[in-house]
Amino acid sequence: MATPAGAWVAAHAEQPPLALRARLDVILNTTDADARPAPVAAALLHAGESLLRTILGSGSTQRDAALDLLTADALVTYAFEAAATHPDTLDEQAAAAMRAFAGVVDARPN
């Protein structure tokens, strides 16, 4: 994982199963998770949000979406693990995450 967010995951997270690790590598190296200067927690949250938007936009409710859903969940979990290193910002991070994910749900196709 070459991006700062990917490097954080590699250094701080327990090694996930191989399929999940491979999917995290792809997401963190091909999305705009680090396109703008942002703290690692924000970059991870943005990557999870972007992936969830893609999943919901596809309309897929089949088993083949399971790995992407698991990956989005892992990205958000890692985002909060990274944010926990600065406990004074957790309330702000949680509020930002709720706004972001509310926007994802509101934007999904009917």
PDB file of N, CA and C in Angstrom:
ATOM      1  N   MET A   1       0.849  -1.170   0.000  1.00  0.00           N
ATOM      2  CA  MET A   1       0.000   0.000   0.000  1.00  0.00           C
ATOM      3  C   MET A   1       0.897   1.236   0.000  1.00  0.00           C
ATOM      4  N   ALA A   2       0.905   1.970  -1.098  1.00  0.00           N
ATOM      5  CA  ALA A   2       1.869   3.048  -1.292  1.00  0.00           C
ATOM      6  C   ALA A   2       1.401   4.412  -0.794  1.00  0.00           C
ATOM      7  N   THR A   3       0.112   4.648  -0.684  1.00  0.00           N
ATOM      8  CA  THR A   3      -0.369   5.953  -0.247  1.00  0.00           C
ATOM      9  C   THR A   3      -0.194   6.096   1.263  1.00  0.00           C
ATOM     10  N   PRO A   4      -0.240   7.329   1.791  1.00  0.00           N
ATOM     11  CA  PRO A   4      -0.149   7.475   3.249  1.00  0.00           C
ATOM     12  C   PRO A   4      -1.229   6.676   3.991  1.00  0.00           C
ATOM     13  N   ALA A   5      -2.443   6.683   3.470  1.00  0.00           N
ATOM     14  CA  ALA A   5      -3.503   5.902   4.113  1.00  0.00           C
ATOM     15  C   ALA A   5      -3.186   4.411   4.040  1.00  0.00           C
ATOM     16  N   GLY A   6      -2.704   3.961   2.898  1.00  0.00           N
ATOM     17  CA  GLY A   6      -2.328   2.559   2.755  1.00  0.00           C
ATOM     18  C   GLY A   6      -1.177   2.180   3.659  1.00  0.00           C
ATOM     19  N   ALA A   7      -0.214   3.074   3.779  1.00  0.00           N
ATOM     20  CA  ALA A   7       0.922   2.817   4.666  1.00  0.00           C
ATOM     21  C   ALA A   7       0.461   2.736   6.114  1.00  0.00           C
ATOM     22  N   TRP A   8      -0.490   3.578   6.492  1.00  0.00           N
ATOM     23  CA  TRP A   8      -1.009   3.534   7.860  1.00  0.00           C
ATOM     24  C   TRP A   8      -1.670   2.185   8.118  1.00  0.00           C
ATOM     25  N   VAL A   9      -2.510   1.740   7.185  1.00  0.00           N
ATOM     26  CA  VAL A   9      -3.185   0.450   7.348  1.00  0.00           C
ATOM     27  C   VAL A   9      -2.156  -0.664   7.477  1.00  0.00           C
ATOM     28  N   ALA A  10      -1.151  -0.655   6.628  1.00  0.00           N
ATOM     29  CA  ALA A  10      -0.127  -1.704   6.666  1.00  0.00           C
ATOM     30  C   ALA A  10       0.626  -1.708   7.991  1.00  0.00           C
ATOM     31  N   ALA A  11       0.854  -0.536   8.557  1.00  0.00           N
ATOM     32  CA  ALA A  11       1.650  -0.437   9.782  1.00  0.00           C
ATOM     33  C   ALA A  11       0.841  -0.628  11.059  1.00  0.00           C
ATOM     34  N   HIS A  12      -0.438  -0.300  11.032  1.00  0.00           N
ATOM     35  CA  HIS A  12      -1.205  -0.266  12.267  1.00  0.00           C
ATOM     36  C   HIS A  12      -2.280  -1.333  12.402  1.00  0.00           C
ATOM     37  N   ALA A  13      -2.731  -1.883  11.324  1.00  0.00           N
ATOM     38  CA  ALA A  13      -3.839  -2.831  11.387  1.00  0.00           C
ATOM     39  C   ALA A  13      -3.314  -4.258  11.420  1.00  0.00           C
ATOM     40  N   GLU A  14      -4.073  -5.114  12.108  1.00  0.00           N
ATOM     41  CA  GLU A  14      -3.749  -6.532  12.014  1.00  0.00           C
ATOM     42  C   GLU A  14      -3.931  -6.930  10.556  1.00  0.00           C
ATOM     43  N   GLN A  15      -3.149  -7.870  10.114  1.00  0.00           N
ATOM     44  CA  GLN A  15      -3.245  -8.269   8.714  1.00  0.00           C
ATOM     45  C   GLN A  15      -4.590  -8.944   8.455  1.00  0.00           C
ATOM     46  N   PRO A  16      -5.375  -8.371   7.560  1.00  0.00           N
ATOM     47  CA  PRO A  16      -6.676  -8.964   7.237  1.00  0.00           C
ATOM     48  C   PRO A  16      -6.491 -10.186   6.337  1.00  0.00           C
ATOM     49  N   PRO A  17      -7.557 -10.941   6.127  1.00  0.00           N
ATOM     50  CA  PRO A  17      -7.482 -12.058   5.176  1.00  0.00           C
ATOM     51  C   PRO A  17      -6.976 -11.572   3.816  1.00  0.00           C
ATOM     52  N   LEU A  18      -6.360 -12.464   3.071  1.00  0.00           N
ATOM     53  CA  LEU A  18      -5.706 -12.094   1.810  1.00  0.00           C
ATOM     54  C   LEU A  18      -6.628 -11.386   0.823  1.00  0.00           C
ATOM     55  N   ALA A  19      -7.849 -11.873   0.652  1.00  0.00           N
ATOM     56  CA  ALA A  19      -8.761 -11.243  -0.312  1.00  0.00           C
ATOM     57  C   ALA A  19      -9.083  -9.808   0.103  1.00  0.00           C
ATOM     58  N   LEU A  20      -9.294  -9.601   1.397  1.00  0.00           N
ATOM     59  CA  LEU A  20      -9.581  -8.250   1.881  1.00  0.00           C
ATOM     60  C   LEU A  20      -8.351  -7.363   1.744  1.00  0.00           C
ATOM     61  N   ARG A  21      -7.201  -7.895   2.074  1.00  0.00           N
ATOM     62  CA  ARG A  21      -5.975  -7.105   1.940  1.00  0.00           C
ATOM     63  C   ARG A  21      -5.754  -6.683   0.484  1.00  0.00           C
ATOM     64  N   ALA A  22      -5.967  -7.609  -0.440  1.00  0.00           N
ATOM     65  CA  ALA A  22      -5.793  -7.291  -1.859  1.00  0.00           C
ATOM     66  C   ALA A  22      -6.773  -6.203  -2.295  1.00  0.00           C
ATOM     67  N   ARG A  23      -8.011  -6.292  -1.822  1.00  0.00           N
ATOM     68  CA  ARG A  23      -9.014  -5.288  -2.198  1.00  0.00           C
ATOM     69  C   ARG A  23      -8.674  -3.926  -1.582  1.00  0.00           C
ATOM     70  N   LEU A  24      -8.192  -3.918  -0.342  1.00  0.00           N
ATOM     71  CA  LEU A  24      -7.748  -2.671   0.286  1.00  0.00           C
ATOM     72  C   LEU A  24      -6.610  -2.048  -0.516  1.00  0.00           C
ATOM     73  N   ASP A  25      -5.666  -2.880  -0.944  1.00  0.00           N
ATOM     74  CA  ASP A  25      -4.544  -2.381  -1.753  1.00  0.00           C
ATOM     75  C   ASP A  25      -5.055  -1.687  -3.012  1.00  0.00           C
ATOM     76  N   VAL A  26      -5.987  -2.330  -3.696  1.00  0.00           N
ATOM     77  CA  VAL A  26      -6.530  -1.756  -4.931  1.00  0.00           C
ATOM     78  C   VAL A  26      -7.236  -0.435  -4.639  1.00  0.00           C
ATOM     79  N   ILE A  27      -8.103  -0.437  -3.647  1.00  0.00           N
ATOM     80  CA  ILE A  27      -8.874   0.770  -3.330  1.00  0.00           C
ATOM     81  C   ILE A  27      -7.953   1.912  -2.918  1.00  0.00           C
ATOM     82  N   LEU A  28      -7.000   1.633  -2.052  1.00  0.00           N
ATOM     83  CA  LEU A  28      -6.147   2.706  -1.540  1.00  0.00           C
ATOM     84  C   LEU A  28      -5.122   3.186  -2.555  1.00  0.00           C
ATOM     85  N   ASN A  29      -4.896   2.422  -3.599  1.00  0.00           N
ATOM     86  CA  ASN A  29      -3.931   2.841  -4.609  1.00  0.00           C
ATOM     87  C   ASN A  29      -4.568   3.296  -5.910  1.00  0.00           C
ATOM     88  N   THR A  30      -5.893   3.173  -6.053  1.00  0.00           N
ATOM     89  CA  THR A  30      -6.537   3.590  -7.299  1.00  0.00           C
ATOM     90  C   THR A  30      -7.644   4.606  -7.091  1.00  0.00           C
ATOM     91  N   THR A  31      -8.011   4.897  -5.850  1.00  0.00           N
ATOM     92  CA  THR A  31      -9.034   5.919  -5.619  1.00  0.00           C
ATOM     93  C   THR A  31      -8.349   7.229  -5.307  1.00  0.00           C
ATOM     94  N   ASP A  32      -9.143   8.239  -5.123  1.00  0.00           N
ATOM     95  CA  ASP A  32      -8.585   9.536  -4.763  1.00  0.00           C
ATOM     96  C   ASP A  32      -8.479   9.687  -3.251  1.00  0.00           C
ATOM     97  N   ALA A  33      -8.251   8.567  -2.544  1.00  0.00           N
ATOM     98  CA  ALA A  33      -8.155   8.599  -1.085  1.00  0.00           C
ATOM     99  C   ALA A  33      -7.099   9.581  -0.617  1.00  0.00           C
ATOM    100  N   ASP A  34      -6.057   9.770  -1.398  1.00  0.00           N
ATOM    101  CA  ASP A  34      -5.004  10.690  -1.008  1.00  0.00           C
ATOM    102  C   ASP A  34      -4.793  11.784  -2.054  1.00  0.00           C
ATOM    103  N   ALA A  35      -5.815  12.076  -2.847  1.00  0.00           N
ATOM    104  CA  ALA A  35      -5.674  13.074  -3.909  1.00  0.00           C
ATOM    105  C   ALA A  35      -5.533  14.485  -3.349  1.00  0.00           C
ATOM    106  N   ARG A  36      -6.110  14.708  -2.210  1.00  0.00           N
ATOM    107  CA  ARG A  36      -5.976  16.026  -1.590  1.00  0.00           C
ATOM    108  C   ARG A  36      -5.283  15.847  -0.251  1.00  0.00           C
ATOM    109  N   PRO A  37      -4.535  16.831   0.179  1.00  0.00           N
ATOM    110  CA  PRO A  37      -3.878  16.712   1.477  1.00  0.00           C
ATOM    111  C   PRO A  37      -4.933  16.552   2.572  1.00  0.00           C
ATOM    112  N   ALA A  38      -4.853  15.496   3.310  1.00  0.00           N
ATOM    113  CA  ALA A  38      -5.816  15.238   4.378  1.00  0.00           C
ATOM    114  C   ALA A  38      -5.169  14.318   5.393  1.00  0.00           C
ATOM    115  N   PRO A  39      -5.620  14.421   6.628  1.00  0.00           N
ATOM    116  CA  PRO A  39      -5.139  13.447   7.604  1.00  0.00           C
ATOM    117  C   PRO A  39      -5.517  12.036   7.156  1.00  0.00           C
ATOM    118  N   VAL A  40      -4.750  11.074   7.602  1.00  0.00           N
ATOM    119  CA  VAL A  40      -4.990   9.681   7.210  1.00  0.00           C
ATOM    120  C   VAL A  40      -6.422   9.268   7.521  1.00  0.00           C
ATOM    121  N   ALA A  41      -6.922   9.635   8.693  1.00  0.00           N
ATOM    122  CA  ALA A  41      -8.286   9.245   9.060  1.00  0.00           C
ATOM    123  C   ALA A  41      -9.294   9.758   8.039  1.00  0.00           C
ATOM    124  N   ALA A  42      -9.156  10.991   7.617  1.00  0.00           N
ATOM    125  CA  ALA A  42     -10.076  11.564   6.629  1.00  0.00           C
ATOM    126  C   ALA A  42      -9.939  10.865   5.283  1.00  0.00           C
ATOM    127  N   ALA A  43      -8.727  10.530   4.898  1.00  0.00           N
ATOM    128  CA  ALA A  43      -8.509   9.838   3.622  1.00  0.00           C
ATOM    129  C   ALA A  43      -9.140   8.450   3.641  1.00  0.00           C
ATOM    130  N   LEU A  44      -8.995   7.739   4.757  1.00  0.00           N
ATOM    131  CA  LEU A  44      -9.594   6.408   4.869  1.00  0.00           C
ATOM    132  C   LEU A  44     -11.115   6.499   4.855  1.00  0.00           C
ATOM    133  N   LEU A  45     -11.659   7.462   5.577  1.00  0.00           N
ATOM    134  CA  LEU A  45     -13.105   7.644   5.594  1.00  0.00           C
ATOM    135  C   LEU A  45     -13.617   7.977   4.198  1.00  0.00           C
ATOM    136  N   HIS A  46     -12.912   8.847   3.503  1.00  0.00           N
ATOM    137  CA  HIS A  46     -13.308   9.215   2.142  1.00  0.00           C
ATOM    138  C   HIS A  46     -13.274   7.994   1.210  1.00  0.00           C
ATOM    139  N   ALA A  47     -12.262   7.158   1.354  1.00  0.00           N
ATOM    140  CA  ALA A  47     -12.174   5.951   0.523  1.00  0.00           C
ATOM    141  C   ALA A  47     -13.347   5.017   0.808  1.00  0.00           C
ATOM    142  N   GLY A  48     -13.699   4.851   2.085  1.00  0.00           N
ATOM    143  CA  GLY A  48     -14.842   4.010   2.440  1.00  0.00           C
ATOM    144  C   GLY A  48     -16.143   4.569   1.905  1.00  0.00           C
ATOM    145  N   GLU A  49     -16.306   5.878   2.029  1.00  0.00           N
ATOM    146  CA  GLU A  49     -17.502   6.543   1.511  1.00  0.00           C
ATOM    147  C   GLU A  49     -17.591   6.387  -0.008  1.00  0.00           C
ATOM    148  N   SER A  50     -16.500   6.585  -0.702  1.00  0.00           N
ATOM    149  CA  SER A  50     -16.488   6.458  -2.166  1.00  0.00           C
ATOM    150  C   SER A  50     -16.848   5.049  -2.606  1.00  0.00           C
ATOM    151  N   LEU A  51     -16.298   4.066  -1.905  1.00  0.00           N
ATOM    152  CA  LEU A  51     -16.604   2.679  -2.253  1.00  0.00           C
ATOM    153  C   LEU A  51     -18.074   2.378  -1.998  1.00  0.00           C
ATOM    154  N   LEU A  52     -18.614   2.856  -0.883  1.00  0.00           N
ATOM    155  CA  LEU A  52     -20.027   2.628  -0.600  1.00  0.00           C
ATOM    156  C   LEU A  52     -20.906   3.288  -1.661  1.00  0.00           C
ATOM    157  N   ARG A  53     -20.549   4.486  -2.099  1.00  0.00           N
ATOM    158  CA  ARG A  53     -21.301   5.143  -3.184  1.00  0.00           C
ATOM    159  C   ARG A  53     -21.303   4.271  -4.448  1.00  0.00           C
ATOM    160  N   THR A  54     -20.144   3.698  -4.756  1.00  0.00           N
ATOM    161  CA  THR A  54     -20.036   2.835  -5.934  1.00  0.00           C
ATOM    162  C   THR A  54     -20.929   1.608  -5.793  1.00  0.00           C
ATOM    163  N   ILE A  55     -20.904   0.990  -4.624  1.00  0.00           N
ATOM    164  CA  ILE A  55     -21.714  -0.210  -4.387  1.00  0.00           C
ATOM    165  C   ILE A  55     -23.195   0.126  -4.524  1.00  0.00           C
ATOM    166  N   LEU A  56     -23.633   1.177  -3.839  1.00  0.00           N
ATOM    167  CA  LEU A  56     -25.048   1.547  -3.898  1.00  0.00           C
ATOM    168  C   LEU A  56     -25.450   1.998  -5.295  1.00  0.00           C
ATOM    169  N   GLY A  57     -24.552   2.682  -5.980  1.00  0.00           N
ATOM    170  CA  GLY A  57     -24.834   3.125  -7.339  1.00  0.00           C
ATOM    171  C   GLY A  57     -25.001   1.977  -8.318  1.00  0.00           C
ATOM    172  N   SER A  58     -24.318   0.879  -8.041  1.00  0.00           N
ATOM    173  CA  SER A  58     -24.415  -0.283  -8.929  1.00  0.00           C
ATOM    174  C   SER A  58     -25.732  -1.027  -8.752  1.00  0.00           C
ATOM    175  N   GLY A  59     -26.376  -0.818  -7.607  1.00  0.00           N
ATOM    176  CA  GLY A  59     -27.620  -1.524  -7.335  1.00  0.00           C
ATOM    177  C   GLY A  59     -27.429  -2.978  -6.971  1.00  0.00           C
ATOM    178  N   SER A  60     -26.201  -3.407  -6.842  1.00  0.00           N
ATOM    179  CA  SER A  60     -25.932  -4.813  -6.556  1.00  0.00           C
ATOM    180  C   SER A  60     -26.299  -5.164  -5.125  1.00  0.00           C
ATOM    181  N   THR A  61     -27.096  -6.197  -4.995  1.00  0.00           N
ATOM    182  CA  THR A  61     -27.397  -6.761  -3.680  1.00  0.00           C
ATOM    183  C   THR A  61     -26.993  -8.228  -3.654  1.00  0.00           C
ATOM    184  N   GLN A  62     -26.192  -8.597  -4.623  1.00  0.00           N
ATOM    185  CA  GLN A  62     -25.780  -9.991  -4.746  1.00  0.00           C
ATOM    186  C   GLN A  62     -24.545 -10.273  -3.908  1.00  0.00           C
ATOM    187  N   ARG A  63     -24.250 -11.522  -3.778  1.00  0.00           N
ATOM    188  CA  ARG A  63     -23.102 -11.976  -2.996  1.00  0.00           C
ATOM    189  C   ARG A  63     -21.784 -11.393  -3.508  1.00  0.00           C
ATOM    190  N   ASP A  64     -21.708 -11.089  -4.803  1.00  0.00           N
ATOM    191  CA  ASP A  64     -20.459 -10.563  -5.357  1.00  0.00           C
ATOM    192  C   ASP A  64     -20.115  -9.174  -4.814  1.00  0.00           C
ATOM    193  N   ALA A  65     -21.061  -8.509  -4.169  1.00  0.00           N
ATOM    194  CA  ALA A  65     -20.783  -7.208  -3.557  1.00  0.00           C
ATOM    195  C   ALA A  65     -20.248  -7.351  -2.136  1.00  0.00           C
ATOM    196  N   ALA A  66     -20.229  -8.558  -1.604  1.00  0.00           N
ATOM    197  CA  ALA A  66     -19.847  -8.768  -0.203  1.00  0.00           C
ATOM    198  C   ALA A  66     -18.427  -8.299   0.099  1.00  0.00           C
ATOM    199  N   LEU A  67     -17.483  -8.599  -0.767  1.00  0.00           N
ATOM    200  CA  LEU A  67     -16.103  -8.195  -0.500  1.00  0.00           C
ATOM    201  C   LEU A  67     -15.977  -6.671  -0.489  1.00  0.00           C
ATOM    202  N   ASP A  68     -16.667  -6.001  -1.400  1.00  0.00           N
ATOM    203  CA  ASP A  68     -16.612  -4.542  -1.403  1.00  0.00           C
ATOM    204  C   ASP A  68     -17.270  -3.956  -0.156  1.00  0.00           C
ATOM    205  N   LEU A  69     -18.377  -4.544   0.294  1.00  0.00           N
ATOM    206  CA  LEU A  69     -19.006  -4.073   1.531  1.00  0.00           C
ATOM    207  C   LEU A  69     -18.080  -4.271   2.725  1.00  0.00           C
ATOM    208  N   LEU A  70     -17.432  -5.419   2.779  1.00  0.00           N
ATOM    209  CA  LEU A  70     -16.473  -5.690   3.849  1.00  0.00           C
ATOM    210  C   LEU A  70     -15.309  -4.707   3.786  1.00  0.00           C
ATOM    211  N   THR A  71     -14.862  -4.390   2.588  1.00  0.00           N
ATOM    212  CA  THR A  71     -13.760  -3.441   2.412  1.00  0.00           C
ATOM    213  C   THR A  71     -14.170  -2.043   2.868  1.00  0.00           C
ATOM    214  N   ALA A  72     -15.366  -1.611   2.496  1.00  0.00           N
ATOM    215  CA  ALA A  72     -15.849  -0.298   2.937  1.00  0.00           C
ATOM    216  C   ALA A  72     -15.924  -0.246   4.460  1.00  0.00           C
ATOM    217  N   ASP A  73     -16.423  -1.314   5.060  1.00  0.00           N
ATOM    218  CA  ASP A  73     -16.493  -1.387   6.518  1.00  0.00           C
ATOM    219  C   ASP A  73     -15.100  -1.306   7.135  1.00  0.00           C
ATOM    220  N   ALA A  74     -14.156  -2.025   6.567  1.00  0.00           N
ATOM    221  CA  ALA A  74     -12.782  -2.005   7.085  1.00  0.00           C
ATOM    222  C   ALA A  74     -12.178  -0.611   6.964  1.00  0.00           C
ATOM    223  N   LEU A  75     -12.407   0.061   5.853  1.00  0.00           N
ATOM    224  CA  LEU A  75     -11.862   1.408   5.662  1.00  0.00           C
ATOM    225  C   LEU A  75     -12.393   2.380   6.714  1.00  0.00           C
ATOM    226  N   VAL A  76     -13.682   2.295   6.997  1.00  0.00           N
ATOM    227  CA  VAL A  76     -14.272   3.181   8.004  1.00  0.00           C
ATOM    228  C   VAL A  76     -13.748   2.823   9.394  1.00  0.00           C
ATOM    229  N   THR A  77     -13.636   1.539   9.678  1.00  0.00           N
ATOM    230  CA  THR A  77     -13.073   1.108  10.963  1.00  0.00           C
ATOM    231  C   THR A  77     -11.656   1.628  11.121  1.00  0.00           C
ATOM    232  N   TYR A  78     -10.841   1.470  10.093  1.00  0.00           N
ATOM    233  CA  TYR A  78      -9.466   1.973  10.139  1.00  0.00           C
ATOM    234  C   TYR A  78      -9.445   3.491  10.288  1.00  0.00           C
ATOM    235  N   ALA A  79     -10.395   4.173   9.659  1.00  0.00           N
ATOM    236  CA  ALA A  79     -10.452   5.634   9.777  1.00  0.00           C
ATOM    237  C   ALA A  79     -10.617   6.047  11.237  1.00  0.00           C
ATOM    238  N   PHE A  80     -11.493   5.348  11.941  1.00  0.00           N
ATOM    239  CA  PHE A  80     -11.699   5.702  13.344  1.00  0.00           C
ATOM    240  C   PHE A  80     -10.551   5.240  14.230  1.00  0.00           C
ATOM    241  N   GLU A  81      -9.896   4.163  13.868  1.00  0.00           N
ATOM    242  CA  GLU A  81      -8.688   3.772  14.602  1.00  0.00           C
ATOM    243  C   GLU A  81      -7.615   4.847  14.436  1.00  0.00           C
ATOM    244  N   ALA A  82      -7.470   5.352  13.228  1.00  0.00           N
ATOM    245  CA  ALA A  82      -6.487   6.414  12.988  1.00  0.00           C
ATOM    246  C   ALA A  82      -6.888   7.695  13.714  1.00  0.00           C
ATOM    247  N   ALA A  83      -8.170   8.015  13.702  1.00  0.00           N
ATOM    248  CA  ALA A  83      -8.646   9.225  14.379  1.00  0.00           C
ATOM    249  C   ALA A  83      -8.465   9.127  15.887  1.00  0.00           C
ATOM    250  N   ALA A  84      -8.492   7.921  16.424  1.00  0.00           N
ATOM    251  CA  ALA A  84      -8.371   7.732  17.875  1.00  0.00           C
ATOM    252  C   ALA A  84      -7.010   8.166  18.404  1.00  0.00           C
ATOM    253  N   THR A  85      -6.043   8.328  17.518  1.00  0.00           N
ATOM    254  CA  THR A  85      -4.739   8.817  17.973  1.00  0.00           C
ATOM    255  C   THR A  85      -4.812  10.291  18.366  1.00  0.00           C
ATOM    256  N   HIS A  86      -5.912  10.944  17.985  1.00  0.00           N
ATOM    257  CA  HIS A  86      -6.169  12.342  18.360  1.00  0.00           C
ATOM    258  C   HIS A  86      -7.578  12.407  18.954  1.00  0.00           C
ATOM    259  N   PRO A  87      -7.746  11.945  20.198  1.00  0.00           N
ATOM    260  CA  PRO A  87      -9.085  11.847  20.783  1.00  0.00           C
ATOM    261  C   PRO A  87      -9.863  13.160  20.796  1.00  0.00           C
ATOM    262  N   ASP A  88      -9.165  14.270  20.818  1.00  0.00           N
ATOM    263  CA  ASP A  88      -9.849  15.560  20.835  1.00  0.00           C
ATOM    264  C   ASP A  88     -10.597  15.847  19.537  1.00  0.00           C
ATOM    265  N   THR A  89     -10.329  15.087  18.485  1.00  0.00           N
ATOM    266  CA  THR A  89     -11.011  15.305  17.202  1.00  0.00           C
ATOM    267  C   THR A  89     -12.083  14.254  16.916  1.00  0.00           C
ATOM    268  N   LEU A  90     -12.283  13.294  17.821  1.00  0.00           N
ATOM    269  CA  LEU A  90     -13.216  12.201  17.536  1.00  0.00           C
ATOM    270  C   LEU A  90     -14.647  12.686  17.323  1.00  0.00           C
ATOM    271  N   ASP A  91     -15.114  13.622  18.132  1.00  0.00           N
ATOM    272  CA  ASP A  91     -16.478  14.131  17.937  1.00  0.00           C
ATOM    273  C   ASP A  91     -16.637  14.737  16.551  1.00  0.00           C
ATOM    274  N   GLU A  92     -15.660  15.524  16.151  1.00  0.00           N
ATOM    275  CA  GLU A  92     -15.695  16.144  14.823  1.00  0.00           C
ATOM    276  C   GLU A  92     -15.649  15.078  13.726  1.00  0.00           C
ATOM    277  N   GLN A  93     -14.795  14.078  13.904  1.00  0.00           N
ATOM    278  CA  GLN A  93     -14.682  12.992  12.916  1.00  0.00           C
ATOM    279  C   GLN A  93     -16.000  12.223  12.812  1.00  0.00           C
ATOM    280  N   ALA A  94     -16.610  11.923  13.954  1.00  0.00           N
ATOM    281  CA  ALA A  94     -17.871  11.176  13.946  1.00  0.00           C
ATOM    282  C   ALA A  94     -18.972  11.979  13.260  1.00  0.00           C
ATOM    283  N   ALA A  95     -19.044  13.266  13.547  1.00  0.00           N
ATOM    284  CA  ALA A  95     -20.055  14.114  12.911  1.00  0.00           C
ATOM    285  C   ALA A  95     -19.837  14.184  11.404  1.00  0.00           C
ATOM    286  N   ALA A  96     -18.588  14.314  10.988  1.00  0.00           N
ATOM    287  CA  ALA A  96     -18.277  14.348   9.553  1.00  0.00           C
ATOM    288  C   ALA A  96     -18.657  13.032   8.890  1.00  0.00           C
ATOM    289  N   ALA A  97     -18.388  11.925   9.562  1.00  0.00           N
ATOM    290  CA  ALA A  97     -18.732  10.612   9.006  1.00  0.00           C
ATOM    291  C   ALA A  97     -20.243  10.464   8.868  1.00  0.00           C
ATOM    292  N   MET A  98     -20.981  10.890   9.880  1.00  0.00           N
ATOM    293  CA  MET A  98     -22.444  10.788   9.799  1.00  0.00           C
ATOM    294  C   MET A  98     -22.988  11.621   8.644  1.00  0.00           C
ATOM    295  N   ARG A  99     -22.453  12.819   8.470  1.00  0.00           N
ATOM    296  CA  ARG A  99     -22.895  13.661   7.341  1.00  0.00           C
ATOM    297  C   ARG A  99     -22.557  12.997   6.008  1.00  0.00           C
ATOM    298  N   ALA A 100     -21.346  12.465   5.912  1.00  0.00           N
ATOM    299  CA  ALA A 100     -20.913  11.830   4.661  1.00  0.00           C
ATOM    300  C   ALA A 100     -21.794  10.641   4.320  1.00  0.00           C
ATOM    301  N   PHE A 101     -22.056   9.785   5.301  1.00  0.00           N
ATOM    302  CA  PHE A 101     -22.831   8.586   5.017  1.00  0.00           C
ATOM    303  C   PHE A 101     -24.309   8.891   4.834  1.00  0.00           C
ATOM    304  N   ALA A 102     -24.814   9.934   5.471  1.00  0.00           N
ATOM    305  CA  ALA A 102     -26.187  10.360   5.202  1.00  0.00           C
ATOM    306  C   ALA A 102     -26.304  10.815   3.753  1.00  0.00           C
ATOM    307  N   GLY A 103     -25.276  11.497   3.262  1.00  0.00           N
ATOM    308  CA  GLY A 103     -25.263  11.922   1.865  1.00  0.00           C
ATOM    309  C   GLY A 103     -25.222  10.752   0.901  1.00  0.00           C
ATOM    310  N   VAL A 104     -24.522   9.702   1.278  1.00  0.00           N
ATOM    311  CA  VAL A 104     -24.459   8.497   0.439  1.00  0.00           C
ATOM    312  C   VAL A 104     -25.843   7.884   0.329  1.00  0.00           C
ATOM    313  N   VAL A 105     -26.520   7.758   1.445  1.00  0.00           N
ATOM    314  CA  VAL A 105     -27.852   7.151   1.452  1.00  0.00           C
ATOM    315  C   VAL A 105     -28.832   8.025   0.679  1.00  0.00           C
ATOM    316  N   ASP A 106     -28.773   9.333   0.886  1.00  0.00           N
ATOM    317  CA  ASP A 106     -29.685  10.244   0.190  1.00  0.00           C
ATOM    318  C   ASP A 106     -29.469  10.234  -1.320  1.00  0.00           C
ATOM    319  N   ALA A 107     -28.252   9.968  -1.763  1.00  0.00           N
ATOM    320  CA  ALA A 107     -27.919  10.027  -3.189  1.00  0.00           C
ATOM    321  C   ALA A 107     -28.138   8.711  -3.918  1.00  0.00           C
ATOM    322  N   ARG A 108     -28.479   7.655  -3.205  1.00  0.00           N
ATOM    323  CA  ARG A 108     -28.599   6.353  -3.872  1.00  0.00           C
ATOM    324  C   ARG A 108     -29.795   6.346  -4.817  1.00  0.00           C
ATOM    325  N   PRO A 109     -29.672   5.560  -5.896  1.00  0.00           N
ATOM    326  CA  PRO A 109     -30.782   5.480  -6.854  1.00  0.00           C
ATOM    327  C   PRO A 109     -31.980   4.768  -6.230  1.00  0.00           C
ATOM    328  N   ASN A 110     -33.152   5.136  -6.684  1.00  0.00           N
ATOM    329  CA  ASN A 110     -34.381   4.511  -6.146  1.00  0.00           C
ATOM    330  C   ASN A 110     -34.624   3.168  -6.728  1.00  0.00           C
TER     331      ASN A 110
END
